[in-house]
Amino acid sequence: MFADPTHKTYAIHSLYFNFREKIYKELVKGLFLGAGASIETRGRIQQSDTVNNATPLSVYDNRYGFPKDHYTAAGFLFNVEYITRDNPNRAYKGIYFDAGIRVNQTWIGSTKNAVQLTTDFRKYFSLSDVNPETVLALWNWGSYLASGEIPYLELPGTSRDGSSRSGRGYTSQYFKGTEFNDTEAEFRFPLLRNKFVSGVVFGNMQTANDEQGTRLFQVFQPGYGAGLRILFNKVTRTNLALDYAFGRFGSKGFFLNLNEAF
């Protein structure tokens, strides 16, 4: 990733550990209920510039009473999921929907109590009977703090979805807030007759609230780009994703992933 060198940045060093596990039970075809737990703990936090405690992390910690050198976010996860997409790696049609609630509790080790809501919706349209790989894919991911406080580095934001793939064109957490929403669209199409190489063009739009009074859906930050897909296995539809994306403020970069972004 490359960003505008005139923008102020603050390096943060720490030890970070994450444990997350969820188990889903299918109730009827395509409908699942899930439950689990997630623990994120960070220690030995050090910042490169802490003059007057004026970094975003320091300001946030002072306002909400978090320790400056460590924190733990520990909570229970409860989800409902509905799936009709035909393949998890590279869907041609169908939908994927997951809605969840996370409940952080101090009695299991969390630094603060908090309740968060998350939604993840994806819809796929195959645009050709001859080439079903020609697909319009839509994605909306959101996370919303309902009550309590969560650590600054755990706030929802760019690339904070479960697979860390949202908001191509920006580094992780470039935009963030207690409320965050990302909407993406991608057009996928084969380039070779044998379907070994395909192309994509995509765009995304992120929005978040902030401490200066900006509300969710009031300001949108765009990103866009194009890429190639190299097919590994036709049966599983496993592929290699190579994307180059652009954002605002001089942000741009190359993104490499296994399988589709969503």
C-alpha atoms as a PDB file:
ATOM      1  CA  MET A   1       0.000   0.000   0.000  1.00  0.00           C
ATOM      2  CA  PHE A   2       1.088   3.568  -0.721  1.00  0.00           C
ATOM      3  CA  ALA A   3      -0.400   6.599   1.031  1.00  0.00           C
ATOM      4  CA  ASP A   4       0.154  10.337   0.923  1.00  0.00           C
ATOM      5  CA  PRO A   5       3.506  10.953   2.702  1.00  0.00           C
ATOM      6  CA  THR A   6       2.250  14.310   3.996  1.00  0.00           C
ATOM      7  CA  HIS A   7      -0.332  12.567   6.191  1.00  0.00           C
ATOM      8  CA  LYS A   8       0.685  12.052   9.817  1.00  0.00           C
ATOM      9  CA  THR A   9       1.135   8.422  10.820  1.00  0.00           C
ATOM     10  CA  TYR A  10       1.760   6.755  14.187  1.00  0.00           C
ATOM     11  CA  ALA A  11       3.499   3.387  14.390  1.00  0.00           C
ATOM     12  CA  ILE A  12       2.111   1.061  17.061  1.00  0.00           C
ATOM     13  CA  HIS A  13       4.047  -1.955  18.338  1.00  0.00           C
ATOM     14  CA  SER A  14       2.513  -4.641  20.533  1.00  0.00           C
ATOM     15  CA  LEU A  15       2.071  -8.338  21.242  1.00  0.00           C
ATOM     16  CA  TYR A  16      -1.266  -9.509  19.849  1.00  0.00           C
ATOM     17  CA  PHE A  17      -3.139 -12.780  20.389  1.00  0.00           C
ATOM     18  CA  ASN A  18      -6.508 -13.753  18.972  1.00  0.00           C
ATOM     19  CA  PHE A  19      -8.724 -16.781  19.554  1.00  0.00           C
ATOM     20  CA  ARG A  20     -12.077 -17.152  17.808  1.00  0.00           C
ATOM     21  CA  GLU A  21     -14.295 -20.196  17.456  1.00  0.00           C
ATOM     22  CA  LYS A  22     -17.909 -20.584  16.339  1.00  0.00           C
ATOM     23  CA  ILE A  23     -20.030 -23.682  15.845  1.00  0.00           C
ATOM     24  CA  TYR A  24     -23.049 -23.639  13.521  1.00  0.00           C
ATOM     25  CA  LYS A  25     -26.033 -26.002  13.579  1.00  0.00           C
ATOM     26  CA  GLU A  26     -28.243 -26.365  10.500  1.00  0.00           C
ATOM     27  CA  LEU A  27     -31.923 -26.078  11.458  1.00  0.00           C
ATOM     28  CA  VAL A  28     -33.429 -26.444   7.987  1.00  0.00           C
ATOM     29  CA  LYS A  29     -31.768 -26.464   4.579  1.00  0.00           C
ATOM     30  CA  GLY A  30     -29.623 -23.355   4.298  1.00  0.00           C
ATOM     31  CA  LEU A  31     -30.540 -21.906   7.711  1.00  0.00           C
ATOM     32  CA  PHE A  32     -28.023 -22.106  10.571  1.00  0.00           C
ATOM     33  CA  LEU A  33     -27.715 -20.948  14.174  1.00  0.00           C
ATOM     34  CA  GLY A  34     -24.246 -20.383  15.581  1.00  0.00           C
ATOM     35  CA  ALA A  35     -22.566 -19.694  18.904  1.00  0.00           C
ATOM     36  CA  GLY A  36     -18.991 -19.274  20.046  1.00  0.00           C
ATOM     37  CA  ALA A  37     -16.445 -17.011  21.671  1.00  0.00           C
ATOM     38  CA  SER A  38     -13.767 -14.540  20.647  1.00  0.00           C
ATOM     39  CA  ILE A  39     -10.803 -13.210  22.619  1.00  0.00           C
ATOM     40  CA  GLU A  40      -8.452 -10.478  21.397  1.00  0.00           C
ATOM     41  CA  THR A  41      -5.678  -9.463  23.757  1.00  0.00           C
ATOM     42  CA  ARG A  42      -2.902  -6.973  23.130  1.00  0.00           C
ATOM     43  CA  GLY A  43       0.014  -6.231  25.462  1.00  0.00           C
ATOM     44  CA  ARG A  44       3.210  -4.157  25.560  1.00  0.00           C
ATOM     45  CA  ILE A  45       1.567  -1.481  23.410  1.00  0.00           C
ATOM     46  CA  GLN A  46       4.080   1.164  22.382  1.00  0.00           C
ATOM     47  CA  GLN A  47       3.541   4.168  20.115  1.00  0.00           C
ATOM     48  CA  SER A  48       6.168   5.994  18.083  1.00  0.00           C
ATOM     49  CA  ASP A  49       4.811   9.438  18.991  1.00  0.00           C
ATOM     50  CA  THR A  50       3.096  10.051  22.316  1.00  0.00           C
ATOM     51  CA  VAL A  51       3.823  13.773  22.783  1.00  0.00           C
ATOM     52  CA  ASN A  52       1.137  15.214  25.064  1.00  0.00           C
ATOM     53  CA  ASN A  53      -0.831  11.965  24.622  1.00  0.00           C
ATOM     54  CA  ALA A  54      -2.135  13.417  21.367  1.00  0.00           C
ATOM     55  CA  THR A  55      -2.175  10.320  19.148  1.00  0.00           C
ATOM     56  CA  PRO A  56      -5.612   8.976  18.147  1.00  0.00           C
ATOM     57  CA  LEU A  57      -5.044   5.891  20.305  1.00  0.00           C
ATOM     58  CA  SER A  58      -4.040   7.947  23.357  1.00  0.00           C
ATOM     59  CA  VAL A  59      -6.964  10.344  22.980  1.00  0.00           C
ATOM     60  CA  TYR A  60      -9.385   7.430  22.697  1.00  0.00           C
ATOM     61  CA  ASP A  61      -7.874   5.582  25.689  1.00  0.00           C
ATOM     62  CA  ASN A  62      -8.041   8.735  27.837  1.00  0.00           C
ATOM     63  CA  ARG A  63     -11.661   9.389  26.908  1.00  0.00           C
ATOM     64  CA  TYR A  64     -12.933   5.871  27.516  1.00  0.00           C
ATOM     65  CA  GLY A  65     -10.634   4.763  30.325  1.00  0.00           C
ATOM     66  CA  PHE A  66      -8.606   2.034  28.609  1.00  0.00           C
ATOM     67  CA  PRO A  67      -5.081   1.211  29.847  1.00  0.00           C
ATOM     68  CA  LYS A  68      -2.437   2.584  27.497  1.00  0.00           C
ATOM     69  CA  ASP A  69      -0.243  -0.516  27.344  1.00  0.00           C
ATOM     70  CA  HIS A  70      -2.697  -3.422  27.181  1.00  0.00           C
ATOM     71  CA  TYR A  71      -6.308  -4.530  26.760  1.00  0.00           C
ATOM     72  CA  THR A  72      -8.474  -7.609  26.298  1.00  0.00           C
ATOM     73  CA  ALA A  73     -11.721  -7.872  24.378  1.00  0.00           C
ATOM     74  CA  ALA A  74     -13.407 -11.141  25.369  1.00  0.00           C
ATOM     75  CA  GLY A  75     -16.965 -11.980  24.402  1.00  0.00           C
ATOM     76  CA  PHE A  76     -19.596 -14.498  23.386  1.00  0.00           C
ATOM     77  CA  LEU A  77     -20.820 -14.751  19.782  1.00  0.00           C
ATOM     78  CA  PHE A  78     -24.358 -15.564  18.660  1.00  0.00           C
ATOM     79  CA  ASN A  79     -25.207 -15.743  14.935  1.00  0.00           C
ATOM     80  CA  VAL A  80     -27.914 -16.647  12.465  1.00  0.00           C
ATOM     81  CA  GLU A  81     -26.892 -17.548   8.916  1.00  0.00           C
ATOM     82  CA  TYR A  82     -28.725 -18.262   5.667  1.00  0.00           C
ATOM     83  CA  ILE A  83     -26.947 -19.586   2.561  1.00  0.00           C
ATOM     84  CA  THR A  84     -28.114 -20.417  -0.961  1.00  0.00           C
ATOM     85  CA  ARG A  85     -24.907 -19.586  -2.903  1.00  0.00           C
ATOM     86  CA  ASP A  86     -23.663 -22.461  -5.017  1.00  0.00           C
ATOM     87  CA  ASN A  87     -19.991 -22.322  -3.989  1.00  0.00           C
ATOM     88  CA  PRO A  88     -18.147 -20.672  -1.064  1.00  0.00           C
ATOM     89  CA  ASN A  89     -14.952 -20.029  -3.044  1.00  0.00           C
ATOM     90  CA  ARG A  90     -16.394 -18.505  -6.208  1.00  0.00           C
ATOM     91  CA  ALA A  91     -20.151 -18.223  -6.266  1.00  0.00           C
ATOM     92  CA  TYR A  92     -22.061 -17.808  -9.519  1.00  0.00           C
ATOM     93  CA  LYS A  93     -25.513 -17.394  -7.975  1.00  0.00           C
ATOM     94  CA  GLY A  94     -27.370 -17.288  -4.671  1.00  0.00           C
ATOM     95  CA  ILE A  95     -27.013 -15.342  -1.440  1.00  0.00           C
ATOM     96  CA  TYR A  96     -25.052 -15.442   1.791  1.00  0.00           C
ATOM     97  CA  PHE A  97     -26.390 -13.702   4.900  1.00  0.00           C
ATOM     98  CA  ASP A  98     -25.017 -13.690   8.432  1.00  0.00           C
ATOM     99  CA  ALA A  99     -26.167 -11.518  11.342  1.00  0.00           C
ATOM    100  CA  GLY A 100     -24.578 -11.684  14.750  1.00  0.00           C
ATOM    101  CA  ILE A 101     -24.304 -10.198  18.190  1.00  0.00           C
ATOM    102  CA  ARG A 102     -21.116 -10.066  20.248  1.00  0.00           C
ATOM    103  CA  VAL A 103     -21.304  -9.614  24.014  1.00  0.00           C
ATOM    104  CA  ASN A 104     -18.016  -8.668  25.740  1.00  0.00           C
ATOM    105  CA  GLN A 105     -18.023  -9.275  29.499  1.00  0.00           C
ATOM    106  CA  THR A 106     -15.531  -8.255  32.175  1.00  0.00           C
ATOM    107  CA  TRP A 107     -16.245 -11.407  34.204  1.00  0.00           C
ATOM    108  CA  ILE A 108     -14.597 -13.508  31.458  1.00  0.00           C
ATOM    109  CA  GLY A 109     -11.596 -11.177  31.197  1.00  0.00           C
ATOM    110  CA  SER A 110     -12.704  -8.322  28.936  1.00  0.00           C
ATOM    111  CA  THR A 111     -11.338  -4.897  29.867  1.00  0.00           C
ATOM    112  CA  LYS A 112     -14.786  -3.365  29.243  1.00  0.00           C
ATOM    113  CA  ASN A 113     -18.334  -4.589  28.686  1.00  0.00           C
ATOM    114  CA  ALA A 114     -19.754  -4.048  25.203  1.00  0.00           C
ATOM    115  CA  VAL A 115     -22.443  -5.245  22.806  1.00  0.00           C
ATOM    116  CA  GLN A 116     -21.831  -5.189  19.034  1.00  0.00           C
ATOM    117  CA  LEU A 117     -24.091  -6.073  16.111  1.00  0.00           C
ATOM    118  CA  THR A 118     -22.723  -7.281  12.753  1.00  0.00           C
ATOM    119  CA  THR A 119     -24.347  -7.974   9.388  1.00  0.00           C
ATOM    120  CA  ASP A 120     -22.869  -9.603   6.289  1.00  0.00           C
ATOM    121  CA  PHE A 121     -24.959  -9.844   3.093  1.00  0.00           C
ATOM    122  CA  ARG A 122     -23.747 -11.062  -0.308  1.00  0.00           C
ATOM    123  CA  LYS A 123     -25.731 -11.577  -3.517  1.00  0.00           C
ATOM    124  CA  TYR A 124     -24.528 -13.147  -6.756  1.00  0.00           C
ATOM    125  CA  PHE A 125     -26.096 -12.837 -10.234  1.00  0.00           C
ATOM    126  CA  SER A 126     -24.877 -15.041 -13.102  1.00  0.00           C
ATOM    127  CA  LEU A 127     -25.308 -12.977 -16.275  1.00  0.00           C
ATOM    128  CA  SER A 128     -24.736 -15.664 -18.913  1.00  0.00           C
ATOM    129  CA  ASP A 129     -25.962 -19.222 -19.479  1.00  0.00           C
ATOM    130  CA  VAL A 130     -23.022 -19.916 -21.801  1.00  0.00           C
ATOM    131  CA  ASN A 131     -20.434 -18.456 -19.403  1.00  0.00           C
ATOM    132  CA  PRO A 132     -21.898 -18.701 -15.877  1.00  0.00           C
ATOM    133  CA  GLU A 133     -18.603 -17.257 -14.565  1.00  0.00           C
ATOM    134  CA  THR A 134     -19.827 -13.875 -15.812  1.00  0.00           C
ATOM    135  CA  VAL A 135     -21.126 -12.619 -12.490  1.00  0.00           C
ATOM    136  CA  LEU A 136     -22.267  -9.431 -10.818  1.00  0.00           C
ATOM    137  CA  ALA A 137     -21.488  -9.776  -7.104  1.00  0.00           C
ATOM    138  CA  LEU A 138     -22.753  -7.416  -4.376  1.00  0.00           C
ATOM    139  CA  TRP A 139     -21.607  -7.214  -0.756  1.00  0.00           C
ATOM    140  CA  ASN A 140     -22.584  -5.209   2.303  1.00  0.00           C
ATOM    141  CA  TRP A 141     -20.801  -5.592   5.641  1.00  0.00           C
ATOM    142  CA  GLY A 142     -21.526  -3.571   8.761  1.00  0.00           C
ATOM    143  CA  SER A 143     -20.684  -3.471  12.459  1.00  0.00           C
ATOM    144  CA  TYR A 144     -22.418  -1.324  15.059  1.00  0.00           C
ATOM    145  CA  LEU A 145     -21.699  -0.713  18.749  1.00  0.00           C
ATOM    146  CA  ALA A 146     -24.982  -1.004  20.642  1.00  0.00           C
ATOM    147  CA  SER A 147     -23.630  -0.329  24.143  1.00  0.00           C
ATOM    148  CA  GLY A 148     -20.420  -0.158  26.167  1.00  0.00           C
ATOM    149  CA  GLU A 149     -16.898   0.502  24.888  1.00  0.00           C
ATOM    150  CA  ILE A 150     -14.415  -1.462  22.800  1.00  0.00           C
ATOM    151  CA  PRO A 151     -10.655  -0.835  22.432  1.00  0.00           C
ATOM    152  CA  TYR A 152      -9.503   1.584  19.734  1.00  0.00           C
ATOM    153  CA  LEU A 153      -7.650  -1.096  17.784  1.00  0.00           C
ATOM    154  CA  GLU A 154     -10.744  -3.337  17.804  1.00  0.00           C
ATOM    155  CA  LEU A 155     -13.094  -0.735  16.326  1.00  0.00           C
ATOM    156  CA  PRO A 156     -14.829  -1.880  13.128  1.00  0.00           C
ATOM    157  CA  GLY A 157     -13.381  -0.372   9.987  1.00  0.00           C
ATOM    158  CA  THR A 158     -11.627  -0.999   6.702  1.00  0.00           C
ATOM    159  CA  SER A 159     -10.705  -4.667   6.258  1.00  0.00           C
ATOM    160  CA  ARG A 160     -12.136  -5.595   9.692  1.00  0.00           C
ATOM    161  CA  ASP A 161     -14.629  -8.093   8.273  1.00  0.00           C
ATOM    162  CA  GLY A 162     -14.138 -11.763   9.095  1.00  0.00           C
ATOM    163  CA  SER A 163     -11.886 -12.424   6.089  1.00  0.00           C
ATOM    164  CA  SER A 164     -10.099  -9.016   6.212  1.00  0.00           C
ATOM    165  CA  ARG A 165     -10.902  -8.233   2.569  1.00  0.00           C
ATOM    166  CA  SER A 166     -13.228  -5.239   2.588  1.00  0.00           C
ATOM    167  CA  GLY A 167     -12.236  -1.770   1.421  1.00  0.00           C
ATOM    168  CA  ARG A 168      -9.617  -2.572  -1.204  1.00  0.00           C
ATOM    169  CA  GLY A 169      -7.697   0.610  -1.962  1.00  0.00           C
ATOM    170  CA  TYR A 170      -6.913   1.355   1.688  1.00  0.00           C
ATOM    171  CA  THR A 171      -4.843  -0.180   4.483  1.00  0.00           C
ATOM    172  CA  SER A 172      -6.591  -2.023   7.298  1.00  0.00           C
ATOM    173  CA  GLN A 173      -8.535   0.330   9.611  1.00  0.00           C
ATOM    174  CA  TYR A 174      -7.864   3.350   7.387  1.00  0.00           C
ATOM    175  CA  PHE A 175     -11.434   4.369   8.192  1.00  0.00           C
ATOM    176  CA  LYS A 176     -13.054   3.279  11.442  1.00  0.00           C
ATOM    177  CA  GLY A 177     -15.680   4.167  14.004  1.00  0.00           C
ATOM    178  CA  THR A 178     -18.036   2.638  16.529  1.00  0.00           C
ATOM    179  CA  GLU A 179     -20.450   2.334  13.584  1.00  0.00           C
ATOM    180  CA  PHE A 180     -19.130   1.235  10.196  1.00  0.00           C
ATOM    181  CA  ASN A 181     -20.596   0.054   6.894  1.00  0.00           C
ATOM    182  CA  ASP A 182     -18.970  -1.045   3.633  1.00  0.00           C
ATOM    183  CA  THR A 183     -20.783  -1.693   0.337  1.00  0.00           C
ATOM    184  CA  GLU A 184     -19.022  -3.317  -2.627  1.00  0.00           C
ATOM    185  CA  ALA A 185     -19.842  -4.357  -6.195  1.00  0.00           C
ATOM    186  CA  GLU A 186     -17.700  -6.530  -8.465  1.00  0.00           C
ATOM    187  CA  PHE A 187     -18.112  -7.573 -12.098  1.00  0.00           C
ATOM    188  CA  ARG A 188     -16.380 -10.882 -12.901  1.00  0.00           C
ATOM    189  CA  PHE A 189     -15.801 -12.219 -16.421  1.00  0.00           C
ATOM    190  CA  PRO A 190     -13.658 -14.919 -18.136  1.00  0.00           C
ATOM    191  CA  LEU A 191     -10.767 -13.746 -20.319  1.00  0.00           C
ATOM    192  CA  LEU A 192      -9.689 -17.077 -21.841  1.00  0.00           C
ATOM    193  CA  ARG A 193     -11.845 -19.739 -23.464  1.00  0.00           C
ATOM    194  CA  ASN A 194     -10.541 -22.396 -21.050  1.00  0.00           C
ATOM    195  CA  LYS A 195     -11.538 -20.144 -18.099  1.00  0.00           C
ATOM    196  CA  PHE A 196      -8.012 -20.356 -16.636  1.00  0.00           C
ATOM    197  CA  VAL A 197      -7.734 -16.572 -16.429  1.00  0.00           C
ATOM    198  CA  SER A 198     -10.573 -14.213 -15.569  1.00  0.00           C
ATOM    199  CA  GLY A 199     -10.854 -10.507 -14.942  1.00  0.00           C
ATOM    200  CA  VAL A 200     -12.689  -8.349 -12.400  1.00  0.00           C
ATOM    201  CA  VAL A 201     -13.508  -4.685 -11.938  1.00  0.00           C
ATOM    202  CA  PHE A 202     -14.804  -3.492  -8.595  1.00  0.00           C
ATOM    203  CA  GLY A 203     -15.766  -0.538  -6.458  1.00  0.00           C
ATOM    204  CA  ASN A 204     -16.503   0.001  -2.783  1.00  0.00           C
ATOM    205  CA  MET A 205     -17.968   2.711  -0.572  1.00  0.00           C
ATOM    206  CA  GLN A 206     -17.179   2.982   3.146  1.00  0.00           C
ATOM    207  CA  THR A 207     -18.890   5.101   5.783  1.00  0.00           C
ATOM    208  CA  ALA A 208     -18.365   5.512   9.536  1.00  0.00           C
ATOM    209  CA  ASN A 209     -19.275   7.800  12.399  1.00  0.00           C
ATOM    210  CA  ASP A 210     -16.671   9.788  14.364  1.00  0.00           C
ATOM    211  CA  GLU A 211     -16.146  11.833  17.532  1.00  0.00           C
ATOM    212  CA  GLN A 212     -16.559  15.127  15.639  1.00  0.00           C
ATOM    213  CA  GLY A 213     -20.243  14.488  15.010  1.00  0.00           C
ATOM    214  CA  THR A 214     -20.151  12.743  11.632  1.00  0.00           C
ATOM    215  CA  ARG A 215     -22.952  10.220  11.446  1.00  0.00           C
ATOM    216  CA  LEU A 216     -23.028   6.870   9.723  1.00  0.00           C
ATOM    217  CA  PHE A 217     -24.093   7.218   6.037  1.00  0.00           C
ATOM    218  CA  GLN A 218     -23.350  10.951   6.141  1.00  0.00           C
ATOM    219  CA  VAL A 219     -19.894  10.788   4.486  1.00  0.00           C
ATOM    220  CA  PHE A 220     -18.754   8.075   2.046  1.00  0.00           C
ATOM    221  CA  GLN A 221     -15.193   7.134   1.098  1.00  0.00           C
ATOM    222  CA  PRO A 222     -14.817   5.408  -2.312  1.00  0.00           C
ATOM    223  CA  GLY A 223     -12.352   2.837  -3.575  1.00  0.00           C
ATOM    224  CA  TYR A 224     -12.068   1.127  -6.953  1.00  0.00           C
ATOM    225  CA  GLY A 225      -9.823  -1.112  -9.001  1.00  0.00           C
ATOM    226  CA  ALA A 226      -9.384  -4.126 -11.275  1.00  0.00           C
ATOM    227  CA  GLY A 227      -7.686  -7.483 -11.142  1.00  0.00           C
ATOM    228  CA  LEU A 228      -7.039 -10.958 -12.483  1.00  0.00           C
ATOM    229  CA  ARG A 229      -8.123 -14.390 -11.291  1.00  0.00           C
ATOM    230  CA  ILE A 230      -5.960 -17.473 -11.911  1.00  0.00           C
ATOM    231  CA  LEU A 231      -7.975 -20.686 -11.638  1.00  0.00           C
ATOM    232  CA  PHE A 232      -6.347 -23.537  -9.675  1.00  0.00           C
ATOM    233  CA  ASN A 233      -9.129 -26.114  -9.585  1.00  0.00           C
ATOM    234  CA  LYS A 234     -12.280 -26.145 -11.724  1.00  0.00           C
ATOM    235  CA  VAL A 235     -14.152 -28.495  -9.366  1.00  0.00           C
ATOM    236  CA  THR A 236     -13.673 -26.411  -6.191  1.00  0.00           C
ATOM    237  CA  ARG A 237     -13.380 -23.127  -8.165  1.00  0.00           C
ATOM    238  CA  THR A 238     -10.292 -22.245  -6.147  1.00  0.00           C
ATOM    239  CA  ASN A 239      -8.395 -19.323  -7.634  1.00  0.00           C
ATOM    240  CA  LEU A 240      -5.691 -16.759  -6.959  1.00  0.00           C
ATOM    241  CA  ALA A 241      -6.870 -13.134  -6.757  1.00  0.00           C
ATOM    242  CA  LEU A 242      -4.535 -10.332  -7.847  1.00  0.00           C
ATOM    243  CA  ASP A 243      -6.028  -6.837  -7.530  1.00  0.00           C
ATOM    244  CA  TYR A 244      -4.783  -3.281  -7.797  1.00  0.00           C
ATOM    245  CA  ALA A 245      -6.983  -0.673  -6.134  1.00  0.00           C
ATOM    246  CA  PHE A 246      -7.147   3.075  -5.597  1.00  0.00           C
ATOM    247  CA  GLY A 247      -8.700   5.184  -2.846  1.00  0.00           C
ATOM    248  CA  ARG A 248      -8.760   8.806  -1.773  1.00  0.00           C
ATOM    249  CA  PHE A 249      -5.873  10.840  -0.316  1.00  0.00           C
ATOM    250  CA  GLY A 250      -3.310   9.146  -2.556  1.00  0.00           C
ATOM    251  CA  SER A 251      -4.056   5.697  -1.173  1.00  0.00           C
ATOM    252  CA  LYS A 252      -3.436   2.802  -3.574  1.00  0.00           C
ATOM    253  CA  GLY A 253      -1.963  -0.675  -3.514  1.00  0.00           C
ATOM    254  CA  PHE A 254      -1.714  -4.288  -4.681  1.00  0.00           C
ATOM    255  CA  PHE A 255      -3.883  -6.893  -2.977  1.00  0.00           C
ATOM    256  CA  LEU A 256      -3.143 -10.637  -3.157  1.00  0.00           C
ATOM    257  CA  ASN A 257      -5.615 -13.227  -1.872  1.00  0.00           C
ATOM    258  CA  LEU A 258      -6.681 -16.840  -2.257  1.00  0.00           C
ATOM    259  CA  ASN A 259     -10.187 -17.004  -3.763  1.00  0.00           C
ATOM    260  CA  GLU A 260     -12.553 -14.098  -4.325  1.00  0.00           C
ATOM    261  CA  ALA A 261     -12.687 -11.075  -2.044  1.00  0.00           C
ATOM    262  CA  PHE A 262     -16.285 -12.067  -1.250  1.00  0.00           C
END
